[in-house]
Protein backbone atom coordinates (compact mmCIF):
# COMPACT_ATOMS: atom_id res chain seq x y z
CA MET A 1 -23.15 7.99 9.02
CA ARG A 2 -21.44 6.50 12.08
CA GLN A 3 -23.36 6.70 15.27
CA HIS A 4 -22.20 8.64 18.31
CA SER A 5 -23.12 7.70 21.81
CA THR A 6 -22.62 9.12 25.26
CA PHE A 7 -21.43 6.78 27.93
CA PRO A 8 -23.27 6.84 31.25
CA ARG A 9 -21.09 7.50 34.28
CA LEU A 10 -21.81 6.38 37.81
CA PHE A 11 -21.84 8.98 40.54
CA GLY A 12 -18.53 7.72 41.92
CA SER A 13 -17.29 6.52 45.24
CA LEU A 14 -19.93 8.33 47.34
CA LEU A 15 -22.74 6.39 45.71
CA LEU A 16 -20.85 3.14 46.25
CA VAL A 17 -20.26 3.89 49.92
CA VAL A 18 -23.94 4.65 50.44
CA ALA A 19 -24.97 1.49 48.62
CA ALA A 20 -22.53 -0.59 50.63
CA GLY A 21 -23.84 0.88 53.88
CA ILE A 22 -27.45 0.11 53.00
CA SER A 23 -26.65 -3.45 51.98
CA SER A 24 -24.74 -4.08 55.21
CA ILE A 25 -27.74 -3.33 57.45
CA GLY A 26 -28.97 -6.83 56.80
CA ALA A 27 -32.70 -6.14 57.01
CA ALA A 28 -34.90 -8.65 55.18
CA PRO A 29 -36.55 -7.30 52.05
CA GLU A 30 -40.18 -6.36 52.26
CA ARG A 31 -42.64 -8.99 51.10
CA GLY A 32 -43.27 -8.59 47.39
CA ALA A 33 -40.14 -6.49 46.83
CA PRO A 34 -38.14 -7.53 43.77
CA SER A 35 -35.11 -9.72 44.42
CA PRO A 36 -31.69 -8.16 43.80
CA ALA A 37 -30.39 -8.77 40.29
CA PRO A 38 -28.02 -11.75 40.22
CA ALA A 39 -24.36 -11.00 39.65
CA PRO A 40 -23.41 -11.41 36.00
CA ALA A 41 -21.77 -14.70 35.10
CA ALA A 42 -18.01 -14.66 34.63
CA ARG A 43 -16.91 -14.26 31.02
CA PRO A 44 -16.01 -17.64 29.46
CA LEU A 45 -12.27 -18.01 28.99
CA ASP A 46 -12.54 -18.31 25.21
CA GLN A 47 -14.65 -15.16 24.75
CA ILE A 48 -11.80 -12.72 24.28
CA VAL A 49 -10.07 -11.02 21.35
CA PRO A 50 -7.70 -12.26 20.00
CA ALA A 51 -8.99 -15.81 20.46
CA PRO A 52 -6.59 -17.82 22.65
CA ALA A 53 -4.76 -20.84 21.27
CA GLN A 54 -5.90 -23.36 23.92
CA VAL A 55 -8.60 -23.17 26.57
CA ARG A 56 -9.55 -25.70 29.22
CA ALA A 57 -12.52 -24.35 31.16
CA GLY A 58 -13.67 -25.71 34.50
CA GLY A 59 -13.33 -25.47 38.22
CA ALA A 60 -14.19 -22.71 40.63
CA ALA A 61 -14.02 -19.07 39.62
CA TYR A 62 -11.84 -16.52 41.36
CA THR A 63 -13.20 -13.24 42.68
CA LEU A 64 -10.92 -10.29 43.33
CA THR A 65 -11.53 -8.72 46.76
CA ALA A 66 -10.22 -5.88 48.90
CA ARG A 67 -7.74 -8.35 50.42
CA SER A 68 -6.26 -9.41 47.08
CA ARG A 69 -2.60 -8.81 46.32
CA ILE A 70 -0.52 -8.94 43.16
CA GLN A 71 2.40 -11.27 43.78
CA VAL A 72 5.41 -11.19 41.44
CA ALA A 73 8.43 -13.43 40.92
CA GLY A 74 11.15 -13.86 38.31
CA ARG A 75 14.04 -16.19 37.59
CA SER A 76 16.57 -13.39 38.18
CA HIS A 77 16.65 -10.07 39.97
CA GLU A 78 16.23 -8.34 36.59
CA ASP A 79 13.20 -10.45 35.69
CA ALA A 80 11.75 -9.93 39.15
CA ARG A 81 11.98 -6.18 38.55
CA GLU A 82 10.24 -6.61 35.20
CA ALA A 83 7.51 -8.73 36.75
CA ARG A 84 7.07 -6.03 39.41
CA ARG A 85 6.81 -3.37 36.70
CA ILE A 86 4.07 -5.36 34.94
CA GLY A 87 2.39 -5.96 38.28
CA SER A 88 2.41 -2.23 38.98
CA TYR A 89 0.94 -1.60 35.52
CA LEU A 90 -1.84 -4.10 36.28
CA ALA A 91 -2.51 -2.53 39.66
CA GLY A 92 -2.75 0.87 38.00
CA LEU A 93 -5.41 -0.50 35.66
CA LEU A 94 -7.48 -2.17 38.37
CA ARG A 95 -7.33 0.21 41.33
CA PRO A 96 -9.53 3.06 40.02
CA SER A 97 -12.52 0.86 39.17
CA THR A 98 -12.29 -1.68 42.00
CA GLY A 99 -11.28 0.74 44.73
CA TYR A 100 -8.93 -1.98 46.08
CA ALA A 101 -5.38 -1.27 47.26
CA LEU A 102 -3.93 -4.29 45.37
CA PRO A 103 -0.41 -4.06 46.79
CA VAL A 104 2.35 -5.42 44.55
CA THR A 105 4.68 -7.72 46.46
CA ASP A 106 7.34 -10.36 45.91
CA ARG A 107 6.33 -12.20 49.08
CA ARG A 108 4.70 -15.53 48.50
CA GLY A 109 1.25 -16.08 49.93
CA ASP A 110 -2.18 -17.49 49.30
CA GLY A 111 -4.73 -15.93 47.00
CA GLY A 112 -4.60 -12.96 44.69
CA ILE A 113 -3.02 -12.52 41.26
CA ARG A 114 0.36 -14.13 40.73
CA LEU A 115 2.70 -13.01 37.94
CA ARG A 116 5.56 -15.45 37.31
CA LEU A 117 8.53 -15.25 34.95
CA VAL A 118 10.18 -18.66 34.69
CA GLY A 119 13.15 -20.08 32.83
CA SER A 120 13.17 -22.78 30.21
CA ASP A 121 13.40 -25.28 33.06
CA GLY A 122 10.13 -24.00 34.49
CA ARG A 123 11.72 -22.54 37.64
CA ASP A 124 11.78 -19.04 39.06
CA ARG A 125 14.74 -17.25 40.63
CA GLU A 126 14.25 -19.20 43.85
CA ARG A 127 14.49 -22.43 41.85
CA ALA A 128 11.02 -23.44 42.93
CA PRO A 129 9.35 -25.69 40.32
CA LEU A 130 6.57 -23.28 39.45
CA ALA A 131 5.48 -24.41 36.05
CA GLN A 132 7.01 -27.10 33.89
CA HIS A 133 4.11 -26.39 31.57
CA ALA A 134 5.67 -22.99 30.80
CA LEU A 135 8.07 -24.73 28.44
CA GLY A 136 7.48 -23.82 24.83
CA LEU A 137 5.75 -20.50 25.49
CA GLY A 138 8.50 -18.63 23.67
CA GLU A 139 8.98 -14.87 23.75
CA GLU A 140 5.31 -13.87 23.83
CA GLY A 141 3.32 -16.83 25.10
CA TYR A 142 1.73 -17.17 28.53
CA ARG A 143 -0.33 -19.52 30.64
CA LEU A 144 -3.23 -18.22 32.73
CA GLU A 145 -4.69 -20.46 35.46
CA SER A 146 -7.76 -19.37 37.38
CA GLY A 147 -9.31 -21.08 40.39
CA ARG A 148 -10.83 -20.36 43.75
CA GLY A 149 -7.44 -19.52 45.24
CA GLY A 150 -6.42 -16.93 42.66
CA VAL A 151 -5.17 -16.28 39.14
CA THR A 152 -1.63 -17.21 38.09
CA ILE A 153 -0.06 -15.92 34.89
CA THR A 154 3.18 -17.65 33.91
CA ALA A 155 5.50 -16.71 31.05
CA GLN A 156 9.08 -17.24 29.98
CA GLU A 157 9.59 -13.63 28.88
CA PRO A 158 8.20 -10.27 30.02
CA ALA A 159 6.23 -9.76 26.79
CA GLY A 160 4.33 -12.98 27.46
CA LEU A 161 3.54 -11.90 30.99
CA PHE A 162 2.26 -8.56 29.69
CA HIS A 163 0.06 -10.28 27.09
CA GLY A 164 -1.34 -12.50 29.81
CA VAL A 165 -2.30 -9.38 31.75
CA GLN A 166 -4.24 -8.14 28.71
CA THR A 167 -6.16 -11.42 28.69
CA LEU A 168 -6.92 -11.04 32.40
CA ARG A 169 -8.30 -7.55 31.70
CA GLN A 170 -10.72 -8.95 29.15
CA LEU A 171 -11.86 -11.73 31.48
CA LEU A 172 -12.93 -9.18 34.08
CA PRO A 173 -16.14 -7.16 33.58
CA ALA A 174 -15.86 -4.32 31.07
CA SER A 175 -16.43 -1.76 33.82
CA VAL A 176 -12.97 -2.58 35.16
CA GLU A 177 -11.66 -0.23 32.45
CA LYS A 178 -13.38 2.81 33.95
CA ARG A 179 -11.44 5.35 35.98
CA THR A 180 -14.02 5.74 38.76
CA PRO A 181 -15.17 3.19 41.40
CA GLN A 182 -17.59 0.57 40.06
CA PRO A 183 -19.73 -2.00 41.91
CA GLY A 184 -18.16 -5.26 40.68
CA PRO A 185 -18.05 -8.16 41.45
CA TRP A 186 -14.65 -8.83 39.84
CA THR A 187 -14.84 -12.50 38.93
CA VAL A 188 -12.65 -14.56 36.59
CA ALA A 189 -13.97 -17.90 35.34
CA GLY A 190 -12.13 -21.04 36.39
CA GLY A 191 -9.84 -22.91 34.03
CA THR A 192 -6.63 -22.59 32.06
CA ILE A 193 -5.54 -20.67 28.96
CA THR A 194 -2.30 -21.59 27.19
CA ASP A 195 -1.60 -19.03 24.49
CA THR A 196 1.10 -18.26 21.94
CA PRO A 197 0.95 -16.06 18.81
CA ARG A 198 0.60 -17.34 15.27
CA TYR A 199 2.85 -14.63 13.80
CA ALA A 200 5.83 -12.84 15.32
CA TYR A 201 4.89 -9.56 13.62
CA ARG A 202 1.54 -8.01 14.52
CA GLY A 203 1.62 -4.36 13.64
CA ALA A 204 -0.29 -1.13 13.33
CA MET A 205 0.89 1.87 11.35
CA LEU A 206 0.08 5.43 12.35
CA ASP A 207 0.51 8.18 9.76
CA VAL A 208 1.62 11.28 11.65
CA SER A 209 2.67 13.08 8.46
CA ARG A 210 -0.59 13.97 6.70
CA HIS A 211 -1.93 15.28 10.01
CA PHE A 212 0.50 15.73 12.87
CA LEU A 213 -0.54 13.73 15.93
CA THR A 214 0.66 14.88 19.33
CA PRO A 215 2.68 12.62 21.65
CA ASP A 216 -0.43 12.25 23.83
CA GLN A 217 -2.42 11.02 20.84
CA VAL A 218 0.26 8.49 19.98
CA ARG A 219 0.47 7.27 23.58
CA LEU A 220 -3.30 6.76 23.67
CA TYR A 221 -3.14 4.69 20.48
CA ILE A 222 -0.30 2.62 21.97
CA ASP A 223 -2.47 1.79 24.99
CA GLN A 224 -5.34 0.79 22.73
CA LEU A 225 -3.06 -1.44 20.64
CA ALA A 226 -1.66 -3.16 23.71
CA LEU A 227 -5.07 -4.47 24.79
CA TYR A 228 -5.21 -6.58 21.61
CA LYS A 229 -1.60 -7.85 21.79
CA ILE A 230 -0.26 -5.76 18.89
CA ASN A 231 3.54 -5.75 19.18
CA LYS A 232 4.76 -3.33 16.46
CA LEU A 233 4.05 0.38 16.01
CA HIS A 234 5.06 1.64 12.58
CA LEU A 235 5.31 5.44 12.60
CA HIS A 236 5.08 7.07 9.17
CA LEU A 237 7.26 10.07 10.01
CA SER A 238 7.65 11.84 6.66
CA ASP A 239 5.62 12.54 3.55
CA ASP A 240 4.83 15.30 1.09
CA GLN A 241 2.74 17.16 3.66
CA GLY A 242 5.05 17.08 6.66
CA TRP A 243 8.36 15.97 8.20
CA ARG A 244 7.79 14.96 11.81
CA ILE A 245 11.15 14.10 13.41
CA ALA A 246 13.99 16.45 14.35
CA ILE A 247 17.24 15.76 12.47
CA ASP A 248 20.15 17.77 13.86
CA SER A 249 22.21 17.70 10.67
CA TRP A 250 19.27 18.94 8.56
CA PRO A 251 17.26 21.08 11.01
CA ARG A 252 14.90 22.70 8.47
CA LEU A 253 13.35 19.29 7.77
CA ALA A 254 11.39 19.62 11.01
CA THR A 255 11.19 23.35 11.58
CA TYR A 256 10.11 24.19 8.02
CA GLY A 257 9.11 20.85 6.47
CA GLY A 258 7.05 20.05 9.56
CA SER A 259 5.31 23.41 9.73
CA THR A 260 2.09 22.41 7.98
CA GLN A 261 -0.20 19.48 7.17
CA VAL A 262 -3.15 18.48 4.97
CA GLY A 263 -5.54 21.41 4.77
CA GLY A 264 -2.89 23.91 5.85
CA GLY A 265 -2.96 23.45 9.61
CA PRO A 266 0.02 24.24 11.85
CA GLY A 267 1.63 20.81 11.61
CA GLY A 268 4.32 19.97 14.13
CA TYR A 269 7.18 17.57 14.79
CA TYR A 270 8.70 15.45 17.53
CA THR A 271 11.88 16.58 19.21
CA LYS A 272 14.42 13.84 19.73
CA ALA A 273 13.49 13.76 23.42
CA GLN A 274 9.80 13.36 22.57
CA TYR A 275 10.54 10.59 20.09
CA ARG A 276 12.70 8.74 22.63
CA GLU A 277 9.90 9.03 25.15
CA LEU A 278 7.40 7.57 22.68
CA VAL A 279 9.79 4.70 21.96
CA SER A 280 10.18 4.10 25.69
CA TYR A 281 6.43 4.30 26.31
CA ALA A 282 5.77 1.81 23.53
CA ALA A 283 8.42 -0.52 24.96
CA SER A 284 6.68 -0.38 28.34
CA ARG A 285 3.63 -1.82 26.53
CA HIS A 286 5.86 -4.31 24.68
CA LEU A 287 5.51 -2.62 21.30
CA GLU A 288 8.56 -2.08 19.11
CA VAL A 289 8.60 1.22 17.23
CA ILE A 290 9.46 1.01 13.53
CA PRO A 291 10.19 4.47 12.09
CA GLU A 292 9.55 5.19 8.41
CA ILE A 293 11.17 7.84 6.24
CA ASP A 294 9.40 7.45 2.91
CA MET A 295 11.83 7.78 -0.03
CA PRO A 296 12.54 8.60 -2.86
CA GLY A 297 8.93 9.70 -3.48
CA HIS A 298 6.58 11.23 -0.90
CA THR A 299 9.37 13.73 -0.15
CA ASN A 300 7.98 17.19 -0.91
CA ALA A 301 8.41 18.34 2.70
CA ALA A 302 12.13 17.54 2.46
CA LEU A 303 12.46 19.04 -1.03
CA ALA A 304 10.79 22.24 0.15
CA SER A 305 13.17 22.44 3.10
CA TYR A 306 16.42 22.07 1.13
CA ALA A 307 16.74 23.24 -2.47
CA GLU A 308 19.88 21.13 -3.07
CA LEU A 309 17.84 17.93 -2.79
CA ASN A 310 16.03 18.88 -6.02
CA CYS A 311 17.56 18.03 -9.38
CA ASP A 312 17.03 21.63 -10.60
CA GLY A 313 18.22 23.17 -7.32
CA VAL A 314 14.88 24.93 -6.80
CA ALA A 315 12.82 24.24 -3.69
CA PRO A 316 9.09 23.69 -4.33
CA PRO A 317 6.49 25.23 -2.01
CA LEU A 318 5.15 23.34 0.96
CA TYR A 319 2.25 21.06 0.05
CA THR A 320 -1.06 20.67 1.88
CA GLY A 321 -3.08 18.61 -0.60
CA THR A 322 -3.53 14.85 -0.86
CA ALA A 323 -2.18 13.92 -4.31
CA VAL A 324 0.64 11.36 -4.50
CA GLY A 325 3.45 10.47 -6.86
CA PHE A 326 4.65 13.94 -7.88
CA SER A 327 7.80 14.30 -5.74
CA SER A 328 11.22 12.66 -5.85
CA LEU A 329 14.63 13.03 -4.32
CA CYS A 330 17.32 13.54 -6.98
CA ALA A 331 18.90 10.11 -7.33
CA PRO A 332 21.87 11.23 -9.49
CA LYS A 333 23.07 13.85 -6.95
CA GLU A 334 25.63 12.75 -4.36
CA VAL A 335 24.19 15.18 -1.80
CA THR A 336 21.06 13.00 -1.79
CA TYR A 337 23.04 10.16 -0.26
CA ASP A 338 24.67 12.47 2.27
CA PHE A 339 21.12 13.38 3.27
CA VAL A 340 20.04 9.72 3.42
CA ASP A 341 23.08 8.75 5.50
CA ASP A 342 22.57 11.57 7.99
CA VAL A 343 18.86 10.94 8.43
CA ILE A 344 19.18 7.18 8.83
CA ARG A 345 22.19 7.51 11.15
CA GLU A 346 20.34 9.85 13.51
CA LEU A 347 17.08 7.91 13.37
CA ALA A 348 18.81 4.56 13.93
CA ALA A 349 20.57 5.99 16.98
CA LEU A 350 17.19 7.02 18.42
CA THR A 351 15.52 3.67 17.71
CA PRO A 352 16.56 0.55 19.65
CA GLY A 353 14.32 -1.77 17.61
CA LYS A 354 15.40 -4.05 14.80
CA TYR A 355 13.66 -2.45 11.82
CA LEU A 356 13.88 0.79 9.84
CA HIS A 357 11.34 1.46 7.07
CA ILE A 358 12.49 3.31 3.94
CA GLY A 359 9.14 3.55 2.13
CA GLY A 360 9.68 3.17 -1.59
CA ASP A 361 6.05 3.30 -2.75
CA GLU A 362 4.43 5.45 -5.43
CA ALA A 363 7.74 6.84 -6.71
CA HIS A 364 6.08 7.76 -10.00
CA SER A 365 8.38 10.73 -10.60
CA THR A 366 11.53 8.61 -10.29
CA SER A 367 12.76 6.69 -13.32
CA HIS A 368 13.10 2.94 -12.90
CA ALA A 369 16.88 3.12 -13.26
CA ASP A 370 17.13 5.89 -10.67
CA TYR A 371 14.78 4.01 -8.35
CA VAL A 372 16.91 0.87 -8.50
CA THR A 373 20.08 2.87 -7.82
CA PHE A 374 18.49 4.82 -4.98
CA MET A 375 17.08 1.75 -3.22
CA GLU A 376 20.35 -0.15 -3.58
CA ARG A 377 22.34 2.65 -1.96
CA THR A 378 19.72 3.40 0.71
CA GLN A 379 19.41 -0.22 1.78
CA ALA A 380 23.19 -0.31 2.24
CA VAL A 381 22.96 2.68 4.58
CA VAL A 382 20.26 1.00 6.69
CA ARG A 383 22.45 -2.08 7.06
CA LYS A 384 25.49 0.08 7.81
CA TYR A 385 23.70 1.39 10.90
CA GLY A 386 22.66 -2.05 12.08
CA LYS A 387 18.99 -2.12 11.09
CA THR A 388 16.87 -4.49 9.03
CA VAL A 389 15.40 -2.94 5.89
CA VAL A 390 11.64 -2.69 5.55
CA GLY A 391 10.03 -1.16 2.48
CA TRP A 392 6.66 -1.12 0.79
CA HIS A 393 6.38 -3.98 -1.68
CA GLN A 394 7.54 -1.79 -4.58
CA LEU A 395 10.99 -2.50 -3.11
CA THR A 396 10.79 -5.81 -4.96
CA GLY A 397 10.99 -3.82 -8.21
CA ALA A 398 14.61 -3.17 -7.24
CA THR A 399 16.75 -5.80 -5.50
CA PRO A 400 15.92 -6.31 -1.83
CA VAL A 401 19.02 -6.96 0.24
CA GLU A 402 19.40 -10.16 2.20
CA GLY A 403 17.03 -10.14 5.17
CA ALA A 404 14.89 -7.29 3.83
CA VAL A 405 11.15 -7.26 4.53
CA ALA A 406 8.56 -6.07 1.99
CA GLN A 407 5.23 -4.68 3.18
CA TYR A 408 2.55 -5.74 0.71
CA TRP A 409 -0.31 -3.26 0.34
CA GLY A 410 -1.80 -4.54 -2.91
CA TYR A 411 -5.52 -5.09 -3.35
CA ASP A 412 -8.01 -6.52 -5.84
CA ALA A 413 -6.82 -4.21 -8.61
CA THR A 414 -3.14 -5.11 -8.17
CA SER A 415 -1.86 -6.74 -11.35
CA ALA A 416 -0.86 -10.38 -11.58
CA ALA A 417 2.58 -9.25 -12.75
CA GLU A 418 3.12 -7.18 -9.61
CA ARG A 419 2.00 -10.04 -7.39
CA ALA A 420 4.32 -12.39 -9.28
CA ARG A 421 7.24 -10.00 -8.73
CA VAL A 422 6.55 -10.00 -4.99
CA ALA A 423 6.33 -13.80 -5.00
CA ALA A 424 9.64 -14.06 -6.86
CA ALA A 425 11.32 -11.93 -4.19
CA THR A 426 10.03 -14.23 -1.44
CA LYS A 427 11.65 -17.20 -3.18
CA LYS A 428 14.97 -15.38 -2.76
CA GLY A 429 14.41 -14.88 0.96
CA THR A 430 12.43 -11.63 1.24
CA ARG A 431 9.71 -11.96 3.85
CA LEU A 432 6.35 -10.20 3.77
CA ILE A 433 4.24 -8.10 6.08
CA LEU A 434 0.70 -8.27 4.73
CA SER A 435 -1.31 -5.04 4.67
CA PRO A 436 -3.78 -5.51 1.80
CA ALA A 437 -5.39 -2.11 1.27
CA ASP A 438 -8.88 -3.46 0.67
CA ARG A 439 -8.74 -5.49 3.87
CA VAL A 440 -6.74 -3.73 6.56
CA TYR A 441 -6.20 -0.10 5.52
CA LEU A 442 -8.10 1.40 8.41
CA ASP A 443 -8.75 4.68 6.59
CA MET A 444 -10.94 2.99 3.98
CA LYS A 445 -14.62 3.85 4.36
CA TYR A 446 -16.89 1.20 5.83
CA ASP A 447 -19.59 1.91 3.24
CA ARG A 448 -20.93 4.71 1.06
CA SER A 449 -22.39 6.56 4.03
CA THR A 450 -19.10 6.80 5.94
CA VAL A 451 -18.12 10.46 6.19
CA LEU A 452 -14.42 10.05 6.98
CA GLY A 453 -11.77 8.14 5.11
CA GLN A 454 -11.20 7.21 1.49
CA SER A 455 -12.53 4.60 -0.92
CA TRP A 456 -9.89 4.13 -3.64
CA ALA A 457 -9.41 0.50 -2.53
CA GLY A 458 -13.15 -0.04 -2.07
CA TYR A 459 -15.36 -0.19 0.98
CA THR A 460 -14.17 -2.29 3.91
CA GLU A 461 -16.77 -3.38 6.43
CA VAL A 462 -15.76 -5.27 9.55
CA ASP A 463 -16.37 -8.69 8.01
CA ARG A 464 -14.18 -8.02 4.98
CA SER A 465 -11.38 -6.72 7.19
CA TYR A 466 -11.46 -9.90 9.27
CA ASP A 467 -12.41 -12.68 6.89
CA TRP A 468 -9.17 -13.55 5.10
CA ASP A 469 -6.21 -15.78 5.89
CA PRO A 470 -2.68 -14.33 5.80
CA ALA A 471 -1.24 -17.78 5.13
CA THR A 472 -3.13 -18.22 1.86
CA TYR A 473 -3.74 -14.61 0.78
CA LEU A 474 -1.02 -14.62 -1.89
CA ALA A 475 -0.83 -18.38 -2.38
CA GLY A 476 -2.27 -18.03 -5.87
CA ALA A 477 0.69 -15.86 -6.81
CA GLY A 478 3.13 -18.42 -5.45
CA VAL A 479 3.83 -17.02 -1.97
CA SER A 480 4.32 -19.78 0.60
CA GLU A 481 3.07 -19.52 4.18
CA ASP A 482 6.58 -19.45 5.64
CA ALA A 483 7.32 -16.22 3.71
CA VAL A 484 4.71 -14.35 5.77
CA LEU A 485 6.26 -12.56 8.73
CA GLY A 486 2.92 -11.18 9.90
CA VAL A 487 0.23 -8.56 9.39
CA GLU A 488 -0.08 -4.81 9.86
CA ALA A 489 -3.05 -2.43 9.81
CA PRO A 490 -2.10 1.04 8.48
CA LEU A 491 -4.08 4.11 9.50
CA TRP A 492 -3.51 6.94 7.03
CA THR A 493 -4.59 10.40 8.10
CA GLU A 494 -5.46 12.46 5.03
CA THR A 495 -8.97 12.86 6.50
CA LEU A 496 -8.26 12.14 10.17
CA ALA A 497 -6.89 14.38 12.92
CA THR A 498 -8.79 13.98 16.23
CA ASN A 499 -8.89 11.03 18.61
CA ASP A 500 -12.55 10.38 17.83
CA GLN A 501 -11.83 10.32 14.10
CA LEU A 502 -8.92 7.92 14.50
CA GLU A 503 -10.91 5.64 16.77
CA SER A 504 -14.01 5.52 14.59
CA MET A 505 -11.92 4.20 11.69
CA ALA A 506 -9.59 1.90 13.64
CA PHE A 507 -12.27 0.32 15.82
CA PRO A 508 -13.74 -2.21 15.53
CA ARG A 509 -11.57 -3.34 12.58
CA LEU A 510 -8.24 -3.26 14.40
CA PRO A 511 -9.11 -6.02 16.92
CA GLY A 512 -9.89 -8.33 13.98
CA VAL A 513 -6.50 -7.68 12.38
CA ALA A 514 -4.88 -8.33 15.75
CA GLU A 515 -6.68 -11.67 15.87
CA LEU A 516 -5.46 -12.59 12.39
CA GLY A 517 -1.93 -12.05 13.64
CA TRP A 518 -2.26 -13.79 17.00
CA SER A 519 -4.82 -16.58 16.89
CA PRO A 520 -4.49 -20.05 15.34
CA ALA A 521 -6.06 -20.48 11.92
CA ALA A 522 -8.41 -23.07 13.42
CA THR A 523 -10.14 -20.38 15.49
CA HIS A 524 -10.90 -18.22 12.45
CA ASP A 525 -14.65 -17.96 11.90
CA TRP A 526 -16.61 -14.76 11.22
CA ASP A 527 -19.82 -15.90 12.92
CA THR A 528 -18.14 -16.76 16.21
CA TYR A 529 -15.79 -13.78 15.98
CA LYS A 530 -18.56 -11.22 15.56
CA ALA A 531 -20.15 -12.47 18.78
CA ARG A 532 -16.86 -12.01 20.63
CA LEU A 533 -16.43 -8.63 18.97
CA ALA A 534 -19.90 -7.55 20.11
CA ALA A 535 -18.85 -8.29 23.69
CA GLN A 536 -15.95 -5.86 23.20
CA GLY A 537 -18.43 -3.02 22.72
CA PRO A 538 -18.94 -2.28 26.44
CA ARG A 539 -15.18 -2.51 27.02
CA MET A 540 -14.38 -0.06 24.23
CA ALA A 541 -17.11 2.22 25.55
CA ALA A 542 -15.68 2.03 29.08
CA LEU A 543 -12.30 3.01 27.64
CA GLY A 544 -13.90 5.98 25.88
CA ILE A 545 -13.17 4.60 22.41
CA ASP A 546 -15.57 6.18 19.90
CA TYR A 547 -15.94 3.04 17.80
CA TYR A 548 -18.07 2.53 14.70
CA ARG A 549 -21.26 0.60 15.46
CA SER A 550 -21.19 -1.68 12.45
CA PRO A 551 -24.68 -2.98 11.56
CA LEU A 552 -23.10 -6.39 10.91
CA VAL A 553 -22.44 -6.85 14.63
CA ASN A 554 -25.15 -7.40 17.25
CA TRP A 555 -23.83 -4.92 19.80
CA PRO A 556 -25.30 -5.15 23.33
CA ALA A 557 -28.25 -2.89 24.07
CA GLY A 558 -27.22 0.67 24.72
CA GLN A 559 -24.02 0.44 22.73
């Protein structure tokens, strides 16, 4: 049984004002009175999640004060605007807890937090030689320098600057995450972090089909992902139990196919405006949304909405159970491909990102010949509308098109033949996203006592979720390291609906998956990681995340 805790709240700004007034009187303490507790030491630069690539600690620390500013600069007017946007985001995070004004300005000055976007020549828009050391940071890397005079975060691209801000958050005390004034002090240890990701693809999947999740729930998850430098949000938008995106050319998909969910609840769907807003919100946190329409199986919601999509022309009833493998689009019917073209066309137009996921798993009610035909024609449609095909690794049972990506969700029970088929596809250019079900499926139970979740892939405690290497995971089957595009942690929702339920299964496993995707292999060590993870407990608590208190981790007292 997971433990629940209540998080103590301070009385707010009034208490802080009173405390400040008392301390300013300056009277000497009475003889024998206890000395004030010393301020906590600044968090060491390497004690964050994901572990940074390079750390050089040393020098004076920096302490944020009421006089601090957030200074921004970019190599062009556009980049300066982006740096200002990230600076405003940072100020919005820090103001409630510190009580400081933290103005965001493009005027140069001494002290404070400096956010710098520089070109490949290490210069900003004013051609000042800010940081030759920024070279080689790529699209997502950053350099954070902390000293007595302030903290400077330098990056070549906005995503890197944003990731550097997430590191700065973790270097400040956990109470900085609270939304009410806290006592501080707000100190960052001295030294330098130079950080770039191991893999370009670091994803999390959210199943909004089994249980519909509101836009607010999705936005909250996006914010939680951003803290750990996740850069892809895979939305599983359709399944047997519900269709969750409005399609103008097939309106009953959403209005009827989206009208229920597992257990028979009311379901729901996203209007096109709501979906665009989610895509935009994710982009503001530097996450790319990857939409999935699972086909040709997992399609009962669509089949129930339109009889003509069924081979016998008869619409089945809506489905609220959790079985899989019983549904299939009718591959021989031409109307099926009209449907596929319309859906992909509308979804591609809504989605500015590179990828579009077409599912392809557990199509047990589709013959092999029909499956191959369906996937061949559907992949062509995805390419027609300018997107890169992603499919579950069963796609390799057909013929992946050039540039396609297969998402591997196999586990210990996956046959050697299936692994070999995936490996053979990689030798022809197919790249892999690794999502082994017995490692990173976040809906798997932690142990036998876990109330929520499932156990068909086994039990997955925090150590098992973390302690594997994406580079070598399928090496025995013949998959080379350069075939691995990255990692993704799916969160399926057959048993999950509320924020607390989602959080208790995602955390604390998700930060470990994020580290597998970001941090160098040399930093990978369970014993040192679990100590850094334990230090995340107060931060997750301050954020209101109802995380699972794994007995394998020595959480701080009171967590």
